[in-house]
N, C-alpha and C. Protein backbone atom coordinates (compact mmCIF):
# COMPACT_ATOMS: atom_id res chain seq x y z
N UNK A 1 0.83 -1.21 0.00
CA UNK A 1 0.00 0.00 0.00
C UNK A 1 0.86 1.26 0.00
N UNK A 2 1.94 1.23 0.82
CA UNK A 2 2.84 2.39 0.87
C UNK A 2 3.48 2.63 -0.49
N UNK A 3 3.86 1.55 -1.16
CA UNK A 3 4.48 1.68 -2.48
C UNK A 3 3.50 2.30 -3.48
N UNK A 4 2.24 1.92 -3.37
CA UNK A 4 1.23 2.47 -4.27
C UNK A 4 1.06 3.97 -4.04
N UNK A 5 1.04 4.37 -2.77
CA UNK A 5 0.91 5.80 -2.44
C UNK A 5 2.10 6.59 -2.97
N UNK A 6 3.31 6.01 -2.81
CA UNK A 6 4.51 6.67 -3.32
C UNK A 6 4.45 6.83 -4.84
N UNK A 7 3.96 5.80 -5.52
CA UNK A 7 3.86 5.84 -6.97
C UNK A 7 2.89 6.94 -7.42
N UNK A 8 1.76 7.03 -6.73
CA UNK A 8 0.77 8.06 -7.06
C UNK A 8 1.35 9.46 -6.84
N UNK A 9 2.05 9.65 -5.74
CA UNK A 9 2.69 10.94 -5.45
C UNK A 9 3.73 11.29 -6.51
N UNK A 10 4.47 10.27 -6.92
CA UNK A 10 5.52 10.45 -7.94
C UNK A 10 4.90 10.92 -9.26
N UNK A 11 3.79 10.26 -9.66
CA UNK A 11 3.11 10.61 -10.90
C UNK A 11 2.54 12.02 -10.82
N UNK A 12 1.92 12.35 -9.69
CA UNK A 12 1.35 13.69 -9.50
C UNK A 12 2.43 14.77 -9.58
N UNK A 13 3.57 14.48 -8.97
CA UNK A 13 4.68 15.44 -8.96
C UNK A 13 5.13 15.76 -10.38
N UNK A 14 5.34 14.72 -11.19
CA UNK A 14 5.82 14.93 -12.55
C UNK A 14 4.76 15.50 -13.48
N UNK A 15 3.49 15.22 -13.17
CA UNK A 15 2.43 15.81 -14.00
C UNK A 15 2.37 17.32 -13.81
N UNK A 16 2.82 17.81 -12.65
CA UNK A 16 2.87 19.25 -12.39
C UNK A 16 4.16 19.85 -12.94
N UNK A 17 5.28 19.16 -12.76
CA UNK A 17 6.58 19.69 -13.16
C UNK A 17 6.74 19.76 -14.67
N UNK A 18 6.30 18.72 -15.39
CA UNK A 18 6.53 18.67 -16.84
C UNK A 18 5.91 19.83 -17.61
N UNK A 19 4.64 20.22 -17.34
CA UNK A 19 4.11 21.39 -18.04
C UNK A 19 4.88 22.67 -17.75
N UNK A 20 5.36 22.81 -16.50
CA UNK A 20 6.14 23.99 -16.15
C UNK A 20 7.44 24.01 -16.94
N UNK A 21 8.11 22.85 -17.01
CA UNK A 21 9.37 22.76 -17.76
C UNK A 21 9.15 23.05 -19.23
N UNK A 22 8.05 22.53 -19.79
CA UNK A 22 7.75 22.76 -21.20
C UNK A 22 7.48 24.24 -21.46
N UNK A 23 6.77 24.88 -20.53
CA UNK A 23 6.46 26.30 -20.68
C UNK A 23 7.74 27.13 -20.63
N UNK A 24 8.65 26.80 -19.70
CA UNK A 24 9.91 27.52 -19.61
C UNK A 24 10.74 27.34 -20.88
N UNK A 25 10.74 26.10 -21.42
CA UNK A 25 11.48 25.82 -22.65
C UNK A 25 10.93 26.65 -23.81
N UNK A 26 9.59 26.72 -23.91
CA UNK A 26 8.97 27.51 -24.97
C UNK A 26 9.31 28.98 -24.84
N UNK A 27 9.37 29.47 -23.60
CA UNK A 27 9.70 30.87 -23.37
C UNK A 27 11.11 31.18 -23.84
N UNK A 28 12.04 30.25 -23.58
CA UNK A 28 13.44 30.45 -24.00
C UNK A 28 13.51 30.49 -25.52
N UNK A 29 12.82 29.55 -26.18
CA UNK A 29 12.81 29.52 -27.63
C UNK A 29 12.21 30.80 -28.18
N UNK A 30 11.17 31.29 -27.52
CA UNK A 30 10.49 32.50 -27.94
C UNK A 30 11.45 33.68 -27.94
N UNK A 31 12.22 33.82 -26.86
CA UNK A 31 13.14 34.95 -26.73
C UNK A 31 14.28 34.88 -27.73
N UNK A 32 14.67 33.68 -28.14
CA UNK A 32 15.77 33.51 -29.08
C UNK A 32 15.32 33.56 -30.53
N UNK A 33 14.07 33.78 -30.78
CA UNK A 33 13.55 33.77 -32.14
C UNK A 33 14.09 34.95 -32.96
N UNK A 34 14.36 34.73 -34.25
CA UNK A 34 14.79 35.84 -35.11
C UNK A 34 13.71 36.90 -35.27
N UNK A 35 12.48 36.58 -34.91
CA UNK A 35 11.42 37.57 -34.98
C UNK A 35 11.75 38.80 -34.15
N UNK A 36 12.53 38.61 -33.10
CA UNK A 36 12.87 39.73 -32.21
C UNK A 36 14.15 40.46 -32.63
N UNK A 37 14.70 40.11 -33.78
CA UNK A 37 15.92 40.79 -34.23
C UNK A 37 15.67 42.23 -34.68
N UNK A 38 14.43 42.59 -34.82
CA UNK A 38 14.08 43.98 -35.12
C UNK A 38 13.09 44.45 -34.07
N UNK A 39 13.31 45.64 -33.55
CA UNK A 39 12.44 46.17 -32.48
C UNK A 39 11.03 46.39 -33.00
N UNK A 40 10.05 46.07 -32.16
CA UNK A 40 8.65 46.16 -32.58
C UNK A 40 8.26 47.58 -32.95
N UNK A 41 8.84 48.59 -32.27
CA UNK A 41 8.46 49.97 -32.58
C UNK A 41 9.02 50.44 -33.93
N UNK A 42 9.85 49.61 -34.57
CA UNK A 42 10.36 49.93 -35.90
C UNK A 42 9.53 49.28 -37.02
N UNK A 43 8.52 48.52 -36.64
CA UNK A 43 7.76 47.77 -37.62
C UNK A 43 6.54 48.54 -38.11
N UNK A 44 6.19 48.33 -39.37
CA UNK A 44 4.95 48.86 -39.93
C UNK A 44 4.26 47.73 -40.68
N UNK A 45 3.15 48.03 -41.32
CA UNK A 45 2.42 46.97 -42.00
C UNK A 45 2.99 46.68 -43.40
N UNK A 46 4.09 47.36 -43.77
CA UNK A 46 4.73 47.13 -45.06
C UNK A 46 6.24 47.03 -44.86
N UNK A 47 6.85 46.05 -45.53
CA UNK A 47 8.30 45.91 -45.45
C UNK A 47 8.82 45.34 -46.76
N UNK A 48 10.12 45.58 -47.00
CA UNK A 48 10.78 45.11 -48.23
C UNK A 48 11.97 44.26 -47.87
N UNK A 49 12.09 43.10 -48.47
CA UNK A 49 13.17 42.17 -48.18
C UNK A 49 14.48 42.68 -48.79
N UNK A 50 15.64 42.39 -48.19
CA UNK A 50 16.91 42.81 -48.77
C UNK A 50 17.09 42.30 -50.21
N UNK A 51 17.75 43.12 -51.04
CA UNK A 51 18.04 42.79 -52.44
C UNK A 51 16.81 42.75 -53.33
N UNK A 52 15.71 43.26 -52.84
CA UNK A 52 14.47 43.19 -53.60
C UNK A 52 14.61 43.81 -55.00
N UNK A 53 15.23 44.98 -55.07
CA UNK A 53 15.29 45.70 -56.34
C UNK A 53 16.11 44.97 -57.39
N UNK A 54 17.05 44.13 -56.96
CA UNK A 54 17.90 43.43 -57.92
C UNK A 54 17.28 42.11 -58.41
N UNK A 55 16.15 41.73 -57.86
CA UNK A 55 15.55 40.44 -58.20
C UNK A 55 14.69 40.53 -59.47
N UNK A 56 14.72 39.46 -60.23
CA UNK A 56 13.93 39.40 -61.46
C UNK A 56 12.46 39.11 -61.17
N UNK A 57 12.21 38.10 -60.36
CA UNK A 57 10.83 37.69 -60.06
C UNK A 57 10.33 38.34 -58.78
N UNK A 58 10.11 39.64 -58.86
CA UNK A 58 9.63 40.38 -57.70
C UNK A 58 8.22 39.93 -57.33
N UNK A 59 7.95 39.96 -56.03
CA UNK A 59 6.65 39.50 -55.53
C UNK A 59 6.10 40.46 -54.49
N UNK A 60 4.88 40.91 -54.72
CA UNK A 60 4.14 41.70 -53.72
C UNK A 60 3.15 40.76 -53.05
N UNK A 61 3.39 40.48 -51.78
CA UNK A 61 2.57 39.55 -51.01
C UNK A 61 1.73 40.33 -50.01
N UNK A 62 0.43 40.22 -50.12
CA UNK A 62 -0.46 40.95 -49.23
C UNK A 62 -1.42 39.98 -48.54
N UNK A 63 -2.07 40.47 -47.52
CA UNK A 63 -3.05 39.62 -46.84
C UNK A 63 -3.64 40.30 -45.63
N UNK A 64 -4.56 39.60 -45.00
CA UNK A 64 -5.18 40.05 -43.76
C UNK A 64 -5.03 38.95 -42.73
N UNK A 65 -4.67 39.32 -41.52
CA UNK A 65 -4.65 38.37 -40.41
C UNK A 65 -5.89 38.64 -39.56
N UNK A 66 -6.65 37.56 -39.34
CA UNK A 66 -7.92 37.67 -38.61
C UNK A 66 -7.82 37.05 -37.22
N UNK A 67 -8.70 37.52 -36.34
CA UNK A 67 -8.89 36.86 -35.05
C UNK A 67 -9.48 35.47 -35.30
N UNK A 68 -9.63 34.71 -34.24
CA UNK A 68 -10.07 33.32 -34.37
C UNK A 68 -11.46 33.16 -34.98
N UNK A 69 -12.26 34.24 -34.96
CA UNK A 69 -13.59 34.13 -35.57
C UNK A 69 -13.55 34.17 -37.09
N UNK A 70 -12.38 34.47 -37.64
CA UNK A 70 -12.22 34.53 -39.09
C UNK A 70 -12.85 35.75 -39.73
N UNK A 71 -13.33 36.68 -38.91
CA UNK A 71 -14.01 37.88 -39.41
C UNK A 71 -13.33 39.16 -38.93
N UNK A 72 -13.00 39.20 -37.63
CA UNK A 72 -12.44 40.40 -37.03
C UNK A 72 -10.96 40.54 -37.37
N UNK A 73 -10.54 41.67 -37.96
CA UNK A 73 -9.12 41.87 -38.27
C UNK A 73 -8.28 41.90 -36.99
N UNK A 74 -7.11 41.30 -37.04
CA UNK A 74 -6.22 41.24 -35.88
C UNK A 74 -5.15 42.32 -36.01
N UNK A 75 -5.20 43.28 -35.11
CA UNK A 75 -4.27 44.41 -35.13
C UNK A 75 -2.97 44.06 -34.41
N UNK A 76 -1.87 44.67 -34.85
CA UNK A 76 -0.56 44.57 -34.19
C UNK A 76 -0.02 43.14 -34.10
N UNK A 77 -0.35 42.32 -35.08
CA UNK A 77 0.23 40.98 -35.16
C UNK A 77 1.50 41.06 -36.00
N UNK A 78 2.59 40.50 -35.48
CA UNK A 78 3.86 40.51 -36.19
C UNK A 78 3.96 39.26 -37.06
N UNK A 79 4.26 39.48 -38.32
CA UNK A 79 4.52 38.38 -39.26
C UNK A 79 5.97 38.50 -39.72
N UNK A 80 6.74 37.45 -39.50
CA UNK A 80 8.15 37.40 -39.89
C UNK A 80 8.32 36.32 -40.95
N UNK A 81 9.07 36.63 -42.00
CA UNK A 81 9.36 35.61 -43.01
C UNK A 81 10.86 35.54 -43.26
N UNK A 82 11.32 34.36 -43.65
CA UNK A 82 12.67 34.19 -44.19
C UNK A 82 12.58 33.19 -45.32
N UNK A 83 13.51 33.29 -46.27
CA UNK A 83 13.39 32.47 -47.46
C UNK A 83 14.75 32.27 -48.12
N UNK A 84 14.86 31.23 -48.96
CA UNK A 84 16.08 31.03 -49.73
C UNK A 84 16.13 31.99 -50.91
N UNK A 85 17.28 32.02 -51.58
CA UNK A 85 17.41 32.86 -52.77
C UNK A 85 16.82 32.17 -53.99
N UNK A 86 17.10 32.69 -55.17
CA UNK A 86 16.51 32.13 -56.40
C UNK A 86 16.98 30.71 -56.70
N UNK A 87 18.12 30.33 -56.14
CA UNK A 87 18.65 28.99 -56.36
C UNK A 87 18.23 27.99 -55.29
N UNK A 88 17.43 28.46 -54.34
CA UNK A 88 17.00 27.58 -53.25
C UNK A 88 17.98 27.48 -52.11
N UNK A 89 18.99 28.34 -52.10
CA UNK A 89 20.01 28.34 -51.04
C UNK A 89 19.73 29.47 -50.05
N UNK A 90 19.92 29.21 -48.77
CA UNK A 90 19.79 30.25 -47.77
C UNK A 90 21.10 31.03 -47.68
N UNK A 91 20.99 32.34 -47.85
CA UNK A 91 22.14 33.23 -47.74
C UNK A 91 22.35 33.53 -46.25
N UNK A 92 23.26 32.81 -45.62
CA UNK A 92 23.50 32.97 -44.19
C UNK A 92 24.55 34.04 -43.94
N UNK A 93 24.25 34.95 -43.06
CA UNK A 93 25.16 36.02 -42.68
C UNK A 93 25.49 35.90 -41.19
N UNK A 94 26.49 36.66 -40.77
CA UNK A 94 26.92 36.59 -39.37
C UNK A 94 27.18 38.00 -38.85
N UNK A 95 26.64 38.28 -37.68
CA UNK A 95 26.92 39.52 -36.95
C UNK A 95 27.36 39.14 -35.55
N UNK A 96 28.64 39.31 -35.25
CA UNK A 96 29.16 38.83 -33.97
C UNK A 96 29.07 37.32 -33.92
N UNK A 97 28.41 36.82 -32.88
CA UNK A 97 28.22 35.37 -32.76
C UNK A 97 26.90 34.90 -33.34
N UNK A 98 26.11 35.84 -33.83
CA UNK A 98 24.76 35.51 -34.32
C UNK A 98 24.78 35.27 -35.82
N UNK A 99 24.17 34.15 -36.24
CA UNK A 99 23.98 33.85 -37.65
C UNK A 99 22.51 34.03 -38.00
N UNK A 100 22.25 34.51 -39.19
CA UNK A 100 20.86 34.74 -39.59
C UNK A 100 20.72 34.59 -41.09
N UNK A 101 19.49 34.39 -41.52
CA UNK A 101 19.17 34.32 -42.95
C UNK A 101 19.04 35.75 -43.47
N UNK A 102 19.78 36.06 -44.52
CA UNK A 102 19.82 37.43 -45.05
C UNK A 102 18.46 37.86 -45.61
N UNK A 103 17.81 36.97 -46.33
CA UNK A 103 16.54 37.32 -46.95
C UNK A 103 15.40 37.07 -45.97
N UNK A 104 15.10 38.10 -45.20
CA UNK A 104 14.06 38.02 -44.18
C UNK A 104 13.37 39.37 -44.07
N UNK A 105 12.21 39.38 -43.47
CA UNK A 105 11.43 40.60 -43.43
C UNK A 105 10.40 40.53 -42.30
N UNK A 106 9.98 41.71 -41.82
CA UNK A 106 9.02 41.80 -40.72
C UNK A 106 7.90 42.78 -41.08
N UNK A 107 6.69 42.45 -40.69
CA UNK A 107 5.59 43.41 -40.76
C UNK A 107 4.74 43.29 -39.50
N UNK A 108 4.01 44.36 -39.20
CA UNK A 108 3.04 44.35 -38.10
C UNK A 108 1.72 44.86 -38.64
N UNK A 109 0.67 44.08 -38.49
CA UNK A 109 -0.61 44.42 -39.11
C UNK A 109 -1.16 45.75 -38.59
N UNK A 110 -1.88 46.43 -39.48
CA UNK A 110 -2.50 47.69 -39.10
C UNK A 110 -3.87 47.43 -38.46
N UNK A 111 -4.64 48.49 -38.28
CA UNK A 111 -5.93 48.35 -37.60
C UNK A 111 -6.90 47.47 -38.38
N UNK A 112 -6.68 47.32 -39.67
CA UNK A 112 -7.53 46.47 -40.50
C UNK A 112 -6.95 45.07 -40.67
N UNK A 113 -5.88 44.76 -39.93
CA UNK A 113 -5.26 43.44 -40.00
C UNK A 113 -4.43 43.22 -41.25
N UNK A 114 -4.19 44.25 -42.03
CA UNK A 114 -3.52 44.10 -43.32
C UNK A 114 -2.00 44.18 -43.20
N UNK A 115 -1.35 43.51 -44.13
CA UNK A 115 0.10 43.58 -44.26
C UNK A 115 0.49 43.50 -45.73
N UNK A 116 1.67 44.01 -46.05
CA UNK A 116 2.22 43.91 -47.40
C UNK A 116 3.71 43.65 -47.31
N UNK A 117 4.16 42.64 -48.04
CA UNK A 117 5.59 42.30 -48.09
C UNK A 117 6.05 42.37 -49.54
N UNK A 118 7.13 43.10 -49.77
CA UNK A 118 7.77 43.12 -51.08
C UNK A 118 8.97 42.19 -51.02
N UNK A 119 8.88 41.10 -51.74
CA UNK A 119 9.93 40.10 -51.70
C UNK A 119 10.16 39.57 -53.11
N UNK A 120 10.56 38.32 -53.25
CA UNK A 120 10.76 37.72 -54.57
C UNK A 120 10.42 36.24 -54.49
N UNK A 121 10.19 35.66 -55.64
CA UNK A 121 9.86 34.24 -55.69
C UNK A 121 11.12 33.43 -55.42
N UNK A 122 11.15 32.64 -54.34
CA UNK A 122 12.36 31.88 -54.02
C UNK A 122 12.50 30.66 -54.93
N UNK A 123 13.72 30.16 -55.01
CA UNK A 123 13.94 28.92 -55.73
C UNK A 123 13.80 27.74 -54.78
N UNK A 124 13.72 26.55 -55.34
CA UNK A 124 13.73 25.33 -54.54
C UNK A 124 15.05 24.62 -54.78
N UNK A 125 15.60 24.07 -53.72
CA UNK A 125 16.87 23.34 -53.86
C UNK A 125 16.59 22.01 -54.55
N UNK A 126 16.82 21.96 -55.85
CA UNK A 126 16.47 20.78 -56.64
C UNK A 126 17.36 19.59 -56.30
N UNK A 127 18.53 19.84 -55.71
CA UNK A 127 19.40 18.72 -55.31
C UNK A 127 18.70 17.83 -54.30
N UNK A 128 17.89 18.44 -53.46
CA UNK A 128 17.19 17.70 -52.41
C UNK A 128 15.68 17.68 -52.65
N UNK A 129 15.28 18.04 -53.87
CA UNK A 129 13.86 18.05 -54.25
C UNK A 129 13.02 18.86 -53.27
N UNK A 130 13.52 20.05 -52.95
CA UNK A 130 12.81 20.94 -52.04
C UNK A 130 11.86 21.85 -52.81
N UNK A 131 10.67 22.01 -52.29
CA UNK A 131 9.71 22.92 -52.89
C UNK A 131 10.16 24.37 -52.73
N UNK A 132 9.63 25.24 -53.57
CA UNK A 132 9.83 26.67 -53.38
C UNK A 132 8.98 27.09 -52.18
N UNK A 133 9.62 27.68 -51.18
CA UNK A 133 8.90 27.97 -49.94
C UNK A 133 9.33 29.29 -49.30
N UNK A 134 8.39 29.92 -48.64
CA UNK A 134 8.66 31.04 -47.74
C UNK A 134 8.29 30.56 -46.34
N UNK A 135 9.16 30.82 -45.37
CA UNK A 135 8.99 30.29 -44.02
C UNK A 135 8.53 31.41 -43.07
N UNK A 136 7.29 31.34 -42.59
CA UNK A 136 6.76 32.41 -41.73
C UNK A 136 6.70 32.03 -40.24
N UNK A 137 6.82 33.06 -39.43
CA UNK A 137 6.52 32.98 -38.00
C UNK A 137 5.52 34.08 -37.71
N UNK A 138 4.72 33.87 -36.68
CA UNK A 138 3.73 34.88 -36.34
C UNK A 138 3.65 35.05 -34.83
N UNK A 139 3.39 36.30 -34.42
CA UNK A 139 3.22 36.57 -32.99
C UNK A 139 2.10 37.58 -32.80
N UNK A 140 1.05 37.14 -32.16
CA UNK A 140 -0.04 38.04 -31.81
C UNK A 140 0.24 38.62 -30.42
N UNK A 141 -0.31 39.79 -30.11
CA UNK A 141 -0.11 40.38 -28.78
C UNK A 141 -0.50 39.40 -27.68
N UNK A 142 0.31 39.34 -26.64
CA UNK A 142 0.12 38.49 -25.44
C UNK A 142 0.27 37.01 -25.73
N UNK A 143 0.67 36.64 -26.94
CA UNK A 143 0.86 35.23 -27.27
C UNK A 143 2.32 34.95 -27.59
N UNK A 144 2.69 33.68 -27.53
CA UNK A 144 4.02 33.28 -27.93
C UNK A 144 4.10 33.15 -29.44
N UNK A 145 5.32 33.02 -29.94
CA UNK A 145 5.54 32.88 -31.37
C UNK A 145 5.14 31.49 -31.84
N UNK A 146 4.55 31.45 -33.02
CA UNK A 146 4.18 30.17 -33.61
C UNK A 146 4.58 30.13 -35.07
N UNK A 147 4.88 28.91 -35.54
CA UNK A 147 5.15 28.71 -36.96
C UNK A 147 3.83 28.65 -37.70
N UNK A 148 3.84 29.19 -38.90
CA UNK A 148 2.72 29.06 -39.81
C UNK A 148 3.17 28.13 -40.93
N UNK A 149 2.23 27.39 -41.52
CA UNK A 149 2.59 26.53 -42.65
C UNK A 149 3.31 27.36 -43.71
N UNK A 150 4.37 26.79 -44.26
CA UNK A 150 5.14 27.51 -45.26
C UNK A 150 4.26 27.90 -46.45
N UNK A 151 4.61 29.05 -47.05
CA UNK A 151 3.90 29.49 -48.24
C UNK A 151 4.51 28.76 -49.44
N UNK A 152 3.68 28.12 -50.24
CA UNK A 152 4.12 27.39 -51.42
C UNK A 152 3.67 28.13 -52.68
N UNK A 153 4.11 27.64 -53.83
CA UNK A 153 3.84 28.35 -55.08
C UNK A 153 3.17 27.43 -56.09
N UNK A 154 2.08 27.92 -56.64
CA UNK A 154 1.26 27.13 -57.54
C UNK A 154 2.03 26.65 -58.78
N UNK A 155 2.99 27.46 -59.24
CA UNK A 155 3.74 27.14 -60.45
C UNK A 155 4.92 26.21 -60.20
N UNK A 156 5.17 25.84 -58.96
CA UNK A 156 6.32 24.99 -58.64
C UNK A 156 6.12 23.61 -59.27
N UNK A 157 7.05 23.19 -60.16
CA UNK A 157 6.89 21.88 -60.81
C UNK A 157 6.97 20.70 -59.84
N UNK A 158 7.58 20.90 -58.67
CA UNK A 158 7.66 19.82 -57.69
C UNK A 158 6.39 19.67 -56.85
N UNK A 159 5.50 20.63 -56.99
CA UNK A 159 4.23 20.55 -56.27
C UNK A 159 3.27 19.71 -57.11
N UNK A 160 3.37 18.41 -56.95
CA UNK A 160 2.66 17.46 -57.80
C UNK A 160 1.17 17.39 -57.48
N UNK A 161 0.44 16.71 -58.35
CA UNK A 161 -1.00 16.51 -58.11
C UNK A 161 -1.24 15.73 -56.82
N UNK A 162 -0.37 14.76 -56.56
CA UNK A 162 -0.51 13.97 -55.34
C UNK A 162 -0.32 14.85 -54.11
N UNK A 163 0.66 15.75 -54.15
CA UNK A 163 0.90 16.69 -53.04
C UNK A 163 -0.33 17.58 -52.83
N UNK A 164 -0.87 18.07 -53.93
CA UNK A 164 -2.01 18.98 -53.85
C UNK A 164 -3.23 18.27 -53.26
N UNK A 165 -3.44 17.01 -53.65
CA UNK A 165 -4.57 16.25 -53.12
C UNK A 165 -4.44 16.03 -51.62
N UNK A 166 -3.20 15.71 -51.18
CA UNK A 166 -2.97 15.50 -49.74
C UNK A 166 -3.24 16.77 -48.97
N UNK A 167 -2.78 17.90 -49.51
CA UNK A 167 -3.00 19.18 -48.83
C UNK A 167 -4.47 19.55 -48.81
N UNK A 168 -5.16 19.27 -49.90
CA UNK A 168 -6.59 19.57 -49.96
C UNK A 168 -7.37 18.78 -48.92
N UNK A 169 -7.01 17.52 -48.72
CA UNK A 169 -7.67 16.68 -47.71
C UNK A 169 -7.45 17.22 -46.30
N UNK A 170 -6.25 17.78 -46.07
CA UNK A 170 -5.92 18.33 -44.75
C UNK A 170 -6.38 19.77 -44.59
N UNK A 171 -6.91 20.36 -45.65
CA UNK A 171 -7.31 21.76 -45.59
C UNK A 171 -6.15 22.71 -45.72
N UNK A 172 -5.06 22.24 -46.32
CA UNK A 172 -3.84 23.05 -46.44
C UNK A 172 -3.70 23.75 -47.79
N UNK A 173 -4.66 23.61 -48.66
CA UNK A 173 -4.51 24.12 -50.03
C UNK A 173 -4.33 25.63 -50.09
N UNK A 174 -4.84 26.35 -49.08
CA UNK A 174 -4.75 27.82 -49.12
C UNK A 174 -3.33 28.33 -48.90
N UNK A 175 -2.42 27.45 -48.51
CA UNK A 175 -1.03 27.89 -48.35
C UNK A 175 -0.32 28.03 -49.69
N UNK A 176 -0.95 27.58 -50.76
CA UNK A 176 -0.37 27.67 -52.10
C UNK A 176 -0.68 29.04 -52.69
N UNK A 177 0.36 29.81 -52.96
CA UNK A 177 0.20 31.15 -53.51
C UNK A 177 -0.03 31.06 -55.02
N UNK A 178 -1.10 31.69 -55.47
CA UNK A 178 -1.39 31.76 -56.90
C UNK A 178 -0.93 33.13 -57.40
N UNK A 179 0.10 33.12 -58.20
CA UNK A 179 0.72 34.37 -58.64
C UNK A 179 -0.01 34.96 -59.83
N UNK A 180 -0.17 36.28 -59.79
CA UNK A 180 -0.67 37.04 -60.93
C UNK A 180 0.37 38.07 -61.31
N UNK A 181 0.47 38.36 -62.58
CA UNK A 181 1.44 39.34 -63.05
C UNK A 181 0.77 40.70 -63.15
N UNK A 182 1.38 41.71 -62.53
CA UNK A 182 0.81 43.06 -62.53
C UNK A 182 1.92 44.09 -62.46
N UNK A 183 1.99 44.94 -63.46
CA UNK A 183 2.93 46.06 -63.50
C UNK A 183 4.37 45.61 -63.25
N UNK A 184 4.78 44.55 -63.94
CA UNK A 184 6.17 44.12 -63.89
C UNK A 184 6.55 43.31 -62.67
N UNK A 185 5.57 42.88 -61.89
CA UNK A 185 5.88 42.03 -60.73
C UNK A 185 4.76 41.02 -60.53
N UNK A 186 5.03 40.04 -59.70
CA UNK A 186 3.99 39.09 -59.32
C UNK A 186 3.28 39.61 -58.07
N UNK A 187 2.02 39.29 -57.95
CA UNK A 187 1.26 39.63 -56.75
C UNK A 187 0.53 38.37 -56.28
N UNK A 188 0.39 38.24 -54.98
CA UNK A 188 -0.30 37.10 -54.39
C UNK A 188 -0.89 37.52 -53.05
N UNK A 189 -1.88 36.77 -52.60
CA UNK A 189 -2.55 37.08 -51.33
C UNK A 189 -2.50 35.86 -50.42
N UNK A 190 -2.24 36.12 -49.15
CA UNK A 190 -2.23 35.04 -48.15
C UNK A 190 -2.83 35.56 -46.86
N UNK A 191 -4.03 35.07 -46.53
CA UNK A 191 -4.70 35.45 -45.29
C UNK A 191 -4.44 34.39 -44.22
N UNK A 192 -4.49 34.81 -42.97
CA UNK A 192 -4.20 33.91 -41.85
C UNK A 192 -5.25 34.13 -40.76
N UNK A 193 -5.70 33.04 -40.16
CA UNK A 193 -6.65 33.11 -39.04
C UNK A 193 -5.96 32.63 -37.77
N UNK A 194 -6.09 33.40 -36.71
CA UNK A 194 -5.53 33.02 -35.42
C UNK A 194 -6.54 32.15 -34.68
N UNK A 195 -6.08 31.06 -34.11
CA UNK A 195 -6.97 30.18 -33.34
C UNK A 195 -7.00 30.58 -31.87
N UNK A 196 -8.07 30.27 -31.21
CA UNK A 196 -8.19 30.57 -29.79
C UNK A 196 -7.22 29.78 -28.95
N UNK A 197 -6.88 28.56 -29.41
CA UNK A 197 -5.97 27.71 -28.65
C UNK A 197 -4.50 28.04 -28.94
N UNK A 198 -4.27 29.22 -29.54
CA UNK A 198 -2.95 29.76 -29.81
C UNK A 198 -2.20 29.03 -30.93
N UNK A 199 -2.88 28.11 -31.59
CA UNK A 199 -2.30 27.54 -32.79
C UNK A 199 -2.65 28.43 -33.97
N UNK A 200 -2.04 28.13 -35.12
CA UNK A 200 -2.32 28.94 -36.29
C UNK A 200 -3.07 28.08 -37.30
N UNK A 201 -4.11 28.66 -37.86
CA UNK A 201 -4.89 27.92 -38.86
C UNK A 201 -4.71 28.57 -40.21
N UNK A 202 -4.92 27.81 -41.26
CA UNK A 202 -4.90 28.35 -42.60
C UNK A 202 -6.23 29.04 -42.85
N UNK A 203 -6.17 30.13 -43.60
CA UNK A 203 -7.43 30.82 -43.92
C UNK A 203 -7.98 30.28 -45.22
């Protein structure tokens, strides 16, 4: 009987400690995120990625971030992106002891939840059969940082019919950017809905 009581106490102890440890770990990861490499008071709802003007396949990416109801615009949400270059390689730079991806950008939604990013269409690393992707992070006020499903490209030859069907079944099809040509650049729209459980959903 004593052994049983000890076992129950042991289980109760770890059931309390483990969530605390997980929360502390998430907080550390949050603070180390590249999203914080630019001060929030320097952010606006529009930003331009480095080397934008020299790129051939320029891309204007716009969208609205909504609250969990999918209707109310979410104000002051930070959206951070990083991406490879046209060849699918990440241009890694170093400042002191910190390494970072050169092609990155930050925006903070306005009162209407809107954002605009001027970037370029990334390449996919064909050596490893990597899709063309933009990698986003998002942070809503009072919430921790979360990953959003990568932005994909409708014209990517590696985005096969089988891939599209799998994404459609999971409700992931909206992550595929459909590019339109306008005034010498591509334009695309990507909306995001914030979930109440602090996860990120596709719009």
